[in-house]
Amino acid sequence: MKQSLLKIINPLLFLSMLFQFASGIGMAQLHLGWMREVHEINGMAGLALIAVHVSLNFKWFVSLWQRKR
């Protein structure tokens, strides 16, 4: 179950980060006012995806932390 969720979350997270980069450029360079709202909404969605990604991989993060000690 966890692996199937990660197969969905990881590409969505990648696309979200890619879109965040593009919308940031759209805001700064092209001076598109509506892009600010898109950038902000996508930022919140990206943070939610990061939280899900970390929660699904939490045991792996802990194992890395314990190996370094």
N, C-alpha and C. Protein backbone atom coordinates (compact mmCIF):
# COMPACT_ATOMS: atom_id res chain seq x y z
N MET A 1 0.82 -1.20 0.00
CA MET A 1 0.00 0.00 0.00
C MET A 1 0.86 1.26 0.00
N LYS A 2 1.91 1.27 0.86
CA LYS A 2 2.77 2.44 0.95
C LYS A 2 3.49 2.69 -0.37
N GLN A 3 3.98 1.63 -0.99
CA GLN A 3 4.69 1.79 -2.26
C GLN A 3 3.78 2.31 -3.36
N SER A 4 2.54 1.87 -3.38
CA SER A 4 1.61 2.34 -4.41
C SER A 4 1.27 3.81 -4.19
N LEU A 5 1.18 4.22 -2.92
CA LEU A 5 0.95 5.65 -2.64
C LEU A 5 2.16 6.48 -3.06
N LEU A 6 3.36 5.96 -2.80
CA LEU A 6 4.56 6.70 -3.19
C LEU A 6 4.68 6.82 -4.71
N LYS A 7 4.19 5.83 -5.44
CA LYS A 7 4.22 5.90 -6.90
C LYS A 7 3.30 7.00 -7.42
N ILE A 8 2.34 7.40 -6.63
CA ILE A 8 1.45 8.51 -6.99
C ILE A 8 2.01 9.83 -6.47
N ILE A 9 2.44 9.84 -5.20
CA ILE A 9 2.89 11.07 -4.54
C ILE A 9 4.18 11.61 -5.16
N ASN A 10 5.15 10.75 -5.43
CA ASN A 10 6.44 11.22 -5.94
C ASN A 10 6.34 11.96 -7.27
N PRO A 11 5.64 11.44 -8.28
CA PRO A 11 5.51 12.23 -9.52
C PRO A 11 4.72 13.53 -9.32
N LEU A 12 3.69 13.48 -8.45
CA LEU A 12 2.95 14.71 -8.16
C LEU A 12 3.84 15.75 -7.49
N LEU A 13 4.69 15.28 -6.59
CA LEU A 13 5.62 16.18 -5.90
C LEU A 13 6.61 16.77 -6.90
N PHE A 14 7.12 15.96 -7.80
CA PHE A 14 8.04 16.45 -8.82
C PHE A 14 7.36 17.51 -9.69
N LEU A 15 6.15 17.22 -10.16
CA LEU A 15 5.43 18.19 -11.00
C LEU A 15 5.11 19.47 -10.23
N SER A 16 4.77 19.33 -8.97
CA SER A 16 4.49 20.50 -8.15
C SER A 16 5.72 21.40 -8.02
N MET A 17 6.88 20.79 -7.77
CA MET A 17 8.10 21.58 -7.64
C MET A 17 8.50 22.22 -8.98
N LEU A 18 8.30 21.49 -10.04
CA LEU A 18 8.58 22.03 -11.37
C LEU A 18 7.66 23.22 -11.68
N PHE A 19 6.38 23.05 -11.37
CA PHE A 19 5.42 24.12 -11.60
C PHE A 19 5.70 25.31 -10.68
N GLN A 20 6.17 25.05 -9.46
CA GLN A 20 6.50 26.13 -8.53
C GLN A 20 7.65 26.97 -9.10
N PHE A 21 8.62 26.31 -9.65
CA PHE A 21 9.74 27.01 -10.29
C PHE A 21 9.26 27.85 -11.47
N ALA A 22 8.45 27.25 -12.32
CA ALA A 22 7.95 27.96 -13.50
C ALA A 22 7.05 29.13 -13.13
N SER A 23 6.20 28.94 -12.12
CA SER A 23 5.32 30.03 -11.73
C SER A 23 6.10 31.15 -11.04
N GLY A 24 7.19 30.81 -10.36
CA GLY A 24 8.05 31.84 -9.78
C GLY A 24 8.70 32.69 -10.85
N ILE A 25 9.15 32.04 -11.92
CA ILE A 25 9.71 32.79 -13.05
C ILE A 25 8.62 33.63 -13.71
N GLY A 26 7.44 33.05 -13.86
CA GLY A 26 6.33 33.79 -14.46
C GLY A 26 5.97 35.02 -13.67
N MET A 27 6.06 34.91 -12.35
CA MET A 27 5.76 36.05 -11.49
C MET A 27 6.84 37.13 -11.60
N ALA A 28 8.09 36.71 -11.52
CA ALA A 28 9.20 37.65 -11.45
C ALA A 28 9.55 38.27 -12.80
N GLN A 29 9.63 37.47 -13.82
CA GLN A 29 10.11 37.96 -15.11
C GLN A 29 9.01 38.49 -16.01
N LEU A 30 7.87 37.83 -15.99
CA LEU A 30 6.79 38.20 -16.91
C LEU A 30 5.78 39.14 -16.28
N HIS A 31 5.89 39.36 -14.96
CA HIS A 31 5.00 40.26 -14.22
C HIS A 31 3.53 39.92 -14.44
N LEU A 32 3.22 38.64 -14.32
CA LEU A 32 1.84 38.18 -14.44
C LEU A 32 1.21 38.18 -13.05
N GLY A 33 0.23 39.03 -12.82
CA GLY A 33 -0.37 39.17 -11.50
C GLY A 33 -1.09 37.93 -11.02
N TRP A 34 -1.81 37.26 -11.90
CA TRP A 34 -2.55 36.07 -11.51
C TRP A 34 -1.63 34.91 -11.16
N MET A 35 -0.39 34.99 -11.61
CA MET A 35 0.56 33.92 -11.34
C MET A 35 0.92 33.85 -9.86
N ARG A 36 0.79 34.97 -9.16
CA ARG A 36 1.08 34.99 -7.72
C ARG A 36 0.12 34.06 -6.97
N GLU A 37 -1.16 34.10 -7.32
CA GLU A 37 -2.13 33.22 -6.67
C GLU A 37 -1.86 31.75 -7.00
N VAL A 38 -1.54 31.49 -8.26
CA VAL A 38 -1.22 30.12 -8.68
C VAL A 38 0.01 29.62 -7.92
N HIS A 39 1.02 30.48 -7.79
CA HIS A 39 2.26 30.15 -7.09
C HIS A 39 1.98 29.83 -5.61
N GLU A 40 1.13 30.64 -5.00
CA GLU A 40 0.81 30.45 -3.59
C GLU A 40 0.02 29.15 -3.36
N ILE A 41 -0.98 28.90 -4.19
CA ILE A 41 -1.79 27.69 -4.04
C ILE A 41 -0.93 26.45 -4.29
N ASN A 42 -0.10 26.51 -5.32
CA ASN A 42 0.78 25.37 -5.60
C ASN A 42 1.80 25.17 -4.49
N GLY A 43 2.24 26.25 -3.86
CA GLY A 43 3.16 26.13 -2.73
C GLY A 43 2.54 25.38 -1.58
N MET A 44 1.27 25.68 -1.28
CA MET A 44 0.57 24.97 -0.20
C MET A 44 0.36 23.50 -0.56
N ALA A 45 0.01 23.24 -1.81
CA ALA A 45 -0.16 21.85 -2.25
C ALA A 45 1.17 21.11 -2.18
N GLY A 46 2.25 21.78 -2.57
CA GLY A 46 3.58 21.17 -2.49
C GLY A 46 3.97 20.83 -1.07
N LEU A 47 3.66 21.73 -0.13
CA LEU A 47 3.97 21.44 1.27
C LEU A 47 3.17 20.25 1.78
N ALA A 48 1.92 20.14 1.36
CA ALA A 48 1.11 18.98 1.75
C ALA A 48 1.70 17.70 1.17
N LEU A 49 2.14 17.75 -0.09
CA LEU A 49 2.76 16.57 -0.71
C LEU A 49 4.06 16.19 -0.01
N ILE A 50 4.84 17.19 0.39
CA ILE A 50 6.08 16.93 1.12
C ILE A 50 5.77 16.26 2.45
N ALA A 51 4.74 16.74 3.15
CA ALA A 51 4.36 16.14 4.43
C ALA A 51 3.95 14.69 4.26
N VAL A 52 3.18 14.38 3.22
CA VAL A 52 2.77 13.00 2.97
C VAL A 52 3.99 12.16 2.60
N HIS A 53 4.87 12.70 1.77
CA HIS A 53 6.08 11.98 1.36
C HIS A 53 6.95 11.63 2.58
N VAL A 54 7.16 12.61 3.44
CA VAL A 54 7.99 12.38 4.62
C VAL A 54 7.31 11.39 5.56
N SER A 55 6.01 11.51 5.73
CA SER A 55 5.33 10.57 6.64
C SER A 55 5.38 9.13 6.10
N LEU A 56 5.31 8.97 4.79
CA LEU A 56 5.39 7.63 4.21
C LEU A 56 6.81 7.06 4.28
N ASN A 57 7.80 7.93 4.33
CA ASN A 57 9.21 7.48 4.37
C ASN A 57 9.85 7.71 5.74
N PHE A 58 9.06 7.93 6.76
CA PHE A 58 9.60 8.30 8.06
C PHE A 58 10.54 7.24 8.64
N LYS A 59 10.19 5.98 8.52
CA LYS A 59 11.06 4.91 9.06
C LYS A 59 12.42 4.92 8.37
N TRP A 60 12.43 5.21 7.08
CA TRP A 60 13.70 5.27 6.34
C TRP A 60 14.55 6.44 6.85
N PHE A 61 13.91 7.60 7.06
CA PHE A 61 14.64 8.76 7.59
C PHE A 61 15.23 8.44 8.97
N VAL A 62 14.46 7.78 9.81
CA VAL A 62 14.94 7.42 11.16
C VAL A 62 16.11 6.46 11.07
N SER A 63 16.03 5.49 10.16
CA SER A 63 17.13 4.54 10.02
C SER A 63 18.42 5.24 9.56
N LEU A 64 18.29 6.24 8.71
CA LEU A 64 19.48 7.01 8.30
C LEU A 64 20.06 7.78 9.47
N TRP A 65 19.20 8.38 10.26
CA TRP A 65 19.64 9.16 11.42
C TRP A 65 20.36 8.26 12.42
N GLN A 66 19.83 7.06 12.65
CA GLN A 66 20.44 6.15 13.63
C GLN A 66 21.77 5.60 13.15
N ARG A 67 21.94 5.43 11.85
CA ARG A 67 23.22 4.92 11.32
C ARG A 67 24.33 5.93 11.52
N LYS A 68 24.02 7.23 11.45
CA LYS A 68 25.06 8.25 11.55
C LYS A 68 25.53 8.44 12.98
N ARG A 69 24.77 8.00 13.93
CA ARG A 69 25.15 8.18 15.36
C ARG A 69 26.06 7.13 15.80
